[in-house]
């Protein structure tokens, strides 16, 4: 197995690099940012998502691309202008380069913010319908749609990972439901790389949280069994967290929904 990790210098990318070190015949590490020197079984390459020829070259001989690059959060200002290049044009280039290079599988870093305006009690089957809460969320809907089209039209195997709140530990009330630990995130990626052949699938990147918004049984075919639970920090989090913004509290996306929100939350239909 020869794997290309895009965004290898980022937070999740660094965890994947460390957690899967030495597991594959090759782990090619790519980023526009500076990477630490390659270890055994690694190669490093500087790649810009906007450079389609360079991206295609980086995929030469690769079996699976793990995409963790691009703008990782909703920018505070000029969000669309900042999201557009890497998360829209760059994601098109990701899939087109994979097609040209003959890559078999792509793991696409989507986000639960692709469906953040669903209410917190919405059944998971319905949250698979996009309902973005931000320009960042819109870019993830675009990536999921692009991946689906490349799977259907060109036979690429695509796994969209709707990543929850990735961090060492949950830090607010909403994260007790949507948190994903570094250990579980790395395990989900490993399962996605090594799963038997499939066409297209969307799964949630979330730990085994007692308060989980999502039934992640759709990930069973991957063999993903998360080990961590945000409930371990529930007492501390509940004691230290202020009440949620009324425009955030009803929705799965939390403060992403509240940012620039106008009107009454009750007008947003379930």
Protein backbone atom coordinates (compact mmCIF):
# COMPACT_ATOMS: atom_id res chain seq x y z
CA UNK A 1 0.00 0.00 0.00
CA UNK A 2 1.36 3.39 -1.04
CA UNK A 3 -0.36 6.35 0.63
CA UNK A 4 -0.23 10.08 -0.06
CA UNK A 5 -1.12 12.27 2.92
CA UNK A 6 -2.09 15.80 1.90
CA UNK A 7 -1.94 18.38 4.66
CA UNK A 8 0.65 16.34 6.52
CA UNK A 9 1.92 19.38 8.46
CA UNK A 10 -1.49 20.18 9.95
CA UNK A 11 -2.97 19.05 13.23
CA UNK A 12 -4.81 15.97 12.00
CA UNK A 13 -2.19 15.28 9.34
CA UNK A 14 0.59 15.26 11.93
CA UNK A 15 -1.36 12.81 14.10
CA UNK A 16 -1.94 10.51 11.12
CA UNK A 17 1.72 10.66 10.16
CA UNK A 18 2.79 9.71 13.67
CA UNK A 19 0.05 7.16 14.29
CA UNK A 20 0.53 5.26 11.02
CA UNK A 21 4.31 5.57 10.76
CA UNK A 22 5.90 2.45 9.32
CA UNK A 23 2.59 0.77 8.51
CA UNK A 24 2.69 1.08 4.73
CA UNK A 25 5.23 0.47 1.99
CA UNK A 26 5.27 4.23 1.42
CA UNK A 27 3.79 7.23 3.18
CA UNK A 28 4.32 10.23 0.92
CA UNK A 29 3.82 13.40 2.95
CA UNK A 30 2.69 16.54 1.17
CA UNK A 31 1.96 20.08 2.28
CA UNK A 32 2.49 23.65 1.22
CA UNK A 33 4.01 24.23 4.68
CA UNK A 34 7.39 23.03 5.88
CA UNK A 35 7.55 19.36 6.87
CA UNK A 36 10.02 17.72 9.20
CA UNK A 37 12.53 15.40 7.49
CA UNK A 38 11.26 12.09 6.13
CA UNK A 39 11.67 9.00 8.26
CA UNK A 40 11.90 5.39 7.21
CA UNK A 41 9.24 4.56 4.64
CA UNK A 42 8.40 8.25 4.14
CA UNK A 43 8.86 10.78 1.37
CA UNK A 44 8.16 14.50 1.64
CA UNK A 45 7.04 16.80 -1.13
CA UNK A 46 5.87 20.41 -1.24
CA UNK A 47 2.50 20.61 -3.00
CA UNK A 48 -0.04 23.39 -3.56
CA UNK A 49 -3.64 22.25 -4.10
CA UNK A 50 -3.93 24.94 -6.79
CA UNK A 51 -1.14 23.33 -8.84
CA UNK A 52 -2.90 20.52 -10.71
CA UNK A 53 0.23 19.23 -12.54
CA UNK A 54 2.23 19.23 -9.30
CA UNK A 55 -0.56 17.50 -7.43
CA UNK A 56 -0.83 14.88 -10.18
CA UNK A 57 2.92 14.26 -9.99
CA UNK A 58 2.67 13.82 -6.21
CA UNK A 59 0.10 11.05 -6.76
CA UNK A 60 2.29 9.00 -9.10
CA UNK A 61 2.30 5.36 -7.97
CA UNK A 62 -0.12 6.06 -5.10
CA UNK A 63 -2.93 3.68 -4.10
CA UNK A 64 -4.80 5.88 -1.60
CA UNK A 65 -4.86 9.64 -1.05
CA UNK A 66 -5.76 10.92 2.41
CA UNK A 67 -6.88 14.53 2.02
CA UNK A 68 -6.41 16.64 5.17
CA UNK A 69 -5.38 19.86 3.42
CA UNK A 70 -7.09 23.19 2.80
CA UNK A 71 -8.74 25.78 5.05
CA UNK A 72 -9.67 23.82 8.20
CA UNK A 73 -12.17 26.19 9.87
CA UNK A 74 -14.62 28.98 9.05
CA UNK A 75 -12.50 32.16 8.73
CA UNK A 76 -13.56 35.06 10.93
CA UNK A 77 -13.48 37.55 8.03
CA UNK A 78 -13.67 37.32 4.22
CA UNK A 79 -14.68 33.70 4.62
CA UNK A 80 -15.67 33.00 1.03
CA UNK A 81 -12.54 34.61 -0.44
CA UNK A 82 -10.38 32.46 1.86
CA UNK A 83 -12.31 29.22 1.39
CA UNK A 84 -12.70 29.42 -2.38
CA UNK A 85 -9.14 28.67 -3.59
CA UNK A 86 -8.13 25.67 -1.46
CA UNK A 87 -11.52 24.21 -0.55
CA UNK A 88 -13.26 24.60 -3.90
CA UNK A 89 -10.68 24.87 -6.70
CA UNK A 90 -8.19 22.78 -4.74
CA UNK A 91 -10.71 20.03 -4.06
CA UNK A 92 -11.57 19.82 -7.75
CA UNK A 93 -7.84 19.47 -8.40
CA UNK A 94 -7.61 16.75 -5.73
CA UNK A 95 -10.11 14.50 -7.49
CA UNK A 96 -8.99 15.34 -11.01
CA UNK A 97 -5.35 14.61 -10.13
CA UNK A 98 -6.42 11.31 -8.58
CA UNK A 99 -8.24 10.40 -11.78
CA UNK A 100 -5.32 11.32 -14.01
CA UNK A 101 -2.79 9.52 -11.82
CA UNK A 102 -4.87 6.34 -11.58
CA UNK A 103 -5.31 6.49 -7.81
CA UNK A 104 -7.72 3.87 -6.51
CA UNK A 105 -9.11 5.54 -3.38
CA UNK A 106 -9.48 9.00 -1.82
CA UNK A 107 -10.33 9.75 1.81
CA UNK A 108 -11.80 13.25 1.78
CA UNK A 109 -11.74 15.38 4.93
CA UNK A 110 -15.30 16.63 5.06
CA UNK A 111 -16.89 18.06 8.20
CA UNK A 112 -20.05 17.82 10.24
CA UNK A 113 -20.45 21.50 9.34
CA UNK A 114 -21.62 20.27 5.92
CA UNK A 115 -24.85 19.49 7.79
CA UNK A 116 -24.58 21.83 10.77
CA UNK A 117 -28.04 23.42 10.48
CA UNK A 118 -29.76 20.12 11.17
CA UNK A 119 -31.34 20.13 14.62
CA UNK A 120 -29.59 18.09 17.26
CA UNK A 121 -32.32 15.45 17.40
CA UNK A 122 -32.46 14.95 13.61
CA UNK A 123 -32.07 11.26 12.70
CA UNK A 124 -28.67 10.53 11.25
CA UNK A 125 -30.15 9.25 7.99
CA UNK A 126 -31.55 12.75 7.41
CA UNK A 127 -28.34 14.55 8.38
CA UNK A 128 -26.69 12.94 5.37
CA UNK A 129 -28.69 15.53 3.40
CA UNK A 130 -26.43 18.60 3.25
CA UNK A 131 -27.43 21.58 5.37
CA UNK A 132 -24.26 23.68 5.68
CA UNK A 133 -23.86 26.18 8.47
CA UNK A 134 -21.11 28.34 6.94
CA UNK A 135 -19.06 29.00 3.83
CA UNK A 136 -16.65 26.40 5.18
CA UNK A 137 -19.56 23.95 5.43
CA UNK A 138 -20.59 24.79 1.86
CA UNK A 139 -17.07 23.93 0.70
CA UNK A 140 -17.37 20.51 2.36
CA UNK A 141 -20.71 19.88 0.66
CA UNK A 142 -18.96 20.71 -2.62
CA UNK A 143 -16.19 18.23 -1.82
CA UNK A 144 -18.65 15.47 -0.97
CA UNK A 145 -20.54 16.11 -4.21
CA UNK A 146 -17.33 16.16 -6.24
CA UNK A 147 -16.24 12.90 -4.64
CA UNK A 148 -19.59 11.30 -5.38
CA UNK A 149 -19.41 12.36 -9.01
CA UNK A 150 -15.86 11.00 -9.40
CA UNK A 151 -16.95 7.73 -7.79
CA UNK A 152 -19.99 7.36 -10.04
CA UNK A 153 -18.45 8.61 -13.29
CA UNK A 154 -14.81 7.53 -13.02
CA UNK A 155 -14.90 4.57 -10.62
CA UNK A 156 -12.84 6.22 -7.89
CA UNK A 157 -13.44 4.86 -4.39
CA UNK A 158 -14.27 7.86 -2.18
CA UNK A 159 -14.85 8.00 1.56
CA UNK A 160 -16.07 11.34 2.91
CA UNK A 161 -15.21 11.73 6.58
CA UNK A 162 -17.52 14.19 8.33
CA UNK A 163 -15.07 15.07 11.06
CA UNK A 164 -16.45 16.25 14.40
CA UNK A 165 -14.63 18.45 16.92
CA UNK A 166 -11.07 17.12 16.69
CA UNK A 167 -8.92 17.89 19.72
CA UNK A 168 -7.24 16.24 22.69
CA UNK A 169 -10.35 16.59 24.84
CA UNK A 170 -13.83 18.16 24.61
CA UNK A 171 -14.01 21.74 25.81
CA UNK A 172 -17.71 22.71 25.71
CA UNK A 173 -21.18 21.22 25.98
CA UNK A 174 -21.69 20.59 22.26
CA UNK A 175 -18.36 18.79 22.01
CA UNK A 176 -19.60 16.18 24.47
CA UNK A 177 -21.59 14.94 21.45
CA UNK A 178 -19.32 15.68 18.46
CA UNK A 179 -15.80 15.19 19.82
CA UNK A 180 -13.33 12.92 18.08
CA UNK A 181 -10.07 12.08 19.79
CA UNK A 182 -6.74 11.98 17.95
CA UNK A 183 -6.50 8.23 18.61
CA UNK A 184 -9.95 7.55 17.12
CA UNK A 185 -9.32 9.89 14.18
CA UNK A 186 -6.16 8.03 13.25
CA UNK A 187 -7.97 4.70 13.59
CA UNK A 188 -10.79 5.88 11.32
CA UNK A 189 -8.26 6.89 8.66
CA UNK A 190 -6.47 3.56 8.98
CA UNK A 191 -9.76 1.73 8.52
CA UNK A 192 -10.58 3.87 5.49
CA UNK A 193 -7.23 3.12 3.88
CA UNK A 194 -7.43 -0.61 4.50
CA UNK A 195 -11.15 -1.32 3.98
CA UNK A 196 -12.26 -3.75 1.26
CA UNK A 197 -13.31 -2.22 -2.04
CA UNK A 198 -16.34 0.08 -2.03
CA UNK A 199 -17.80 2.84 -4.21
CA UNK A 200 -18.76 5.94 -2.25
CA UNK A 201 -19.61 6.38 1.43
CA UNK A 202 -20.07 9.18 3.97
CA UNK A 203 -19.32 8.46 7.63
CA UNK A 204 -18.91 10.59 10.71
CA UNK A 205 -15.52 11.09 12.29
CA UNK A 206 -16.61 10.90 15.92
CA UNK A 207 -15.61 9.05 19.06
CA UNK A 208 -17.85 6.68 21.05
CA UNK A 209 -19.56 9.55 22.87
CA UNK A 210 -22.50 8.79 25.13
CA UNK A 211 -24.28 11.97 23.92
CA UNK A 212 -23.48 11.44 20.24
CA UNK A 213 -25.80 13.23 17.80
CA UNK A 214 -25.13 10.56 15.18
CA UNK A 215 -25.66 6.86 14.75
CA UNK A 216 -22.38 6.03 13.04
CA UNK A 217 -23.31 2.45 12.17
CA UNK A 218 -22.71 3.34 8.52
CA UNK A 219 -19.01 3.12 9.36
CA UNK A 220 -19.30 -0.55 10.39
CA UNK A 221 -18.16 -1.79 6.97
CA UNK A 222 -14.83 -0.11 7.65
CA UNK A 223 -14.28 -1.99 10.89
CA UNK A 224 -14.09 1.30 12.78
CA UNK A 225 -14.54 0.85 16.55
CA UNK A 226 -13.82 4.10 18.43
CA UNK A 227 -12.40 3.73 21.92
CA UNK A 228 -12.71 7.17 23.50
CA UNK A 229 -15.76 8.85 25.04
CA UNK A 230 -16.26 12.55 25.75
CA UNK A 231 -18.29 11.58 28.80
CA UNK A 232 -15.02 11.07 30.65
CA UNK A 233 -14.79 14.88 30.81
CA UNK A 234 -18.51 15.62 31.14
CA UNK A 235 -18.47 16.75 34.76
CA UNK A 236 -15.61 19.17 34.25
CA UNK A 237 -16.99 20.49 30.96
CA UNK A 238 -20.50 21.02 32.33
CA UNK A 239 -19.17 22.84 35.38
CA UNK A 240 -17.04 25.23 33.35
CA UNK A 241 -19.16 25.86 30.23
CA UNK A 242 -21.41 28.95 29.98
CA UNK A 243 -24.89 28.63 28.47
CA UNK A 244 -24.85 28.27 24.70
CA UNK A 245 -25.79 31.11 22.38
CA UNK A 246 -29.53 30.76 21.58
CA UNK A 247 -28.67 30.77 17.87
CA UNK A 248 -26.23 27.90 18.39
CA UNK A 249 -27.98 25.66 20.91
CA UNK A 250 -30.62 24.04 18.65
CA UNK A 251 -28.20 23.06 15.89
CA UNK A 252 -25.52 20.44 15.38
CA UNK A 253 -23.04 23.01 14.05
CA UNK A 254 -23.09 25.15 17.20
CA UNK A 255 -21.35 28.51 16.95
CA UNK A 256 -20.86 28.12 13.19
CA UNK A 257 -24.64 28.50 12.95
CA UNK A 258 -24.65 31.49 15.30
CA UNK A 259 -21.94 33.39 13.39
CA UNK A 260 -23.65 36.23 11.46
CA UNK A 261 -27.06 34.71 12.24
CA UNK A 262 -30.03 37.07 11.73
CA UNK A 263 -33.51 36.47 13.10
CA UNK A 264 -34.94 33.82 15.40
CA UNK A 265 -33.60 30.25 15.66
CA UNK A 266 -37.18 29.02 15.65
CA UNK A 267 -37.61 30.11 12.04
CA UNK A 268 -35.07 27.45 10.95
CA UNK A 269 -37.33 24.48 10.29
CA UNK A 270 -36.30 21.00 11.53
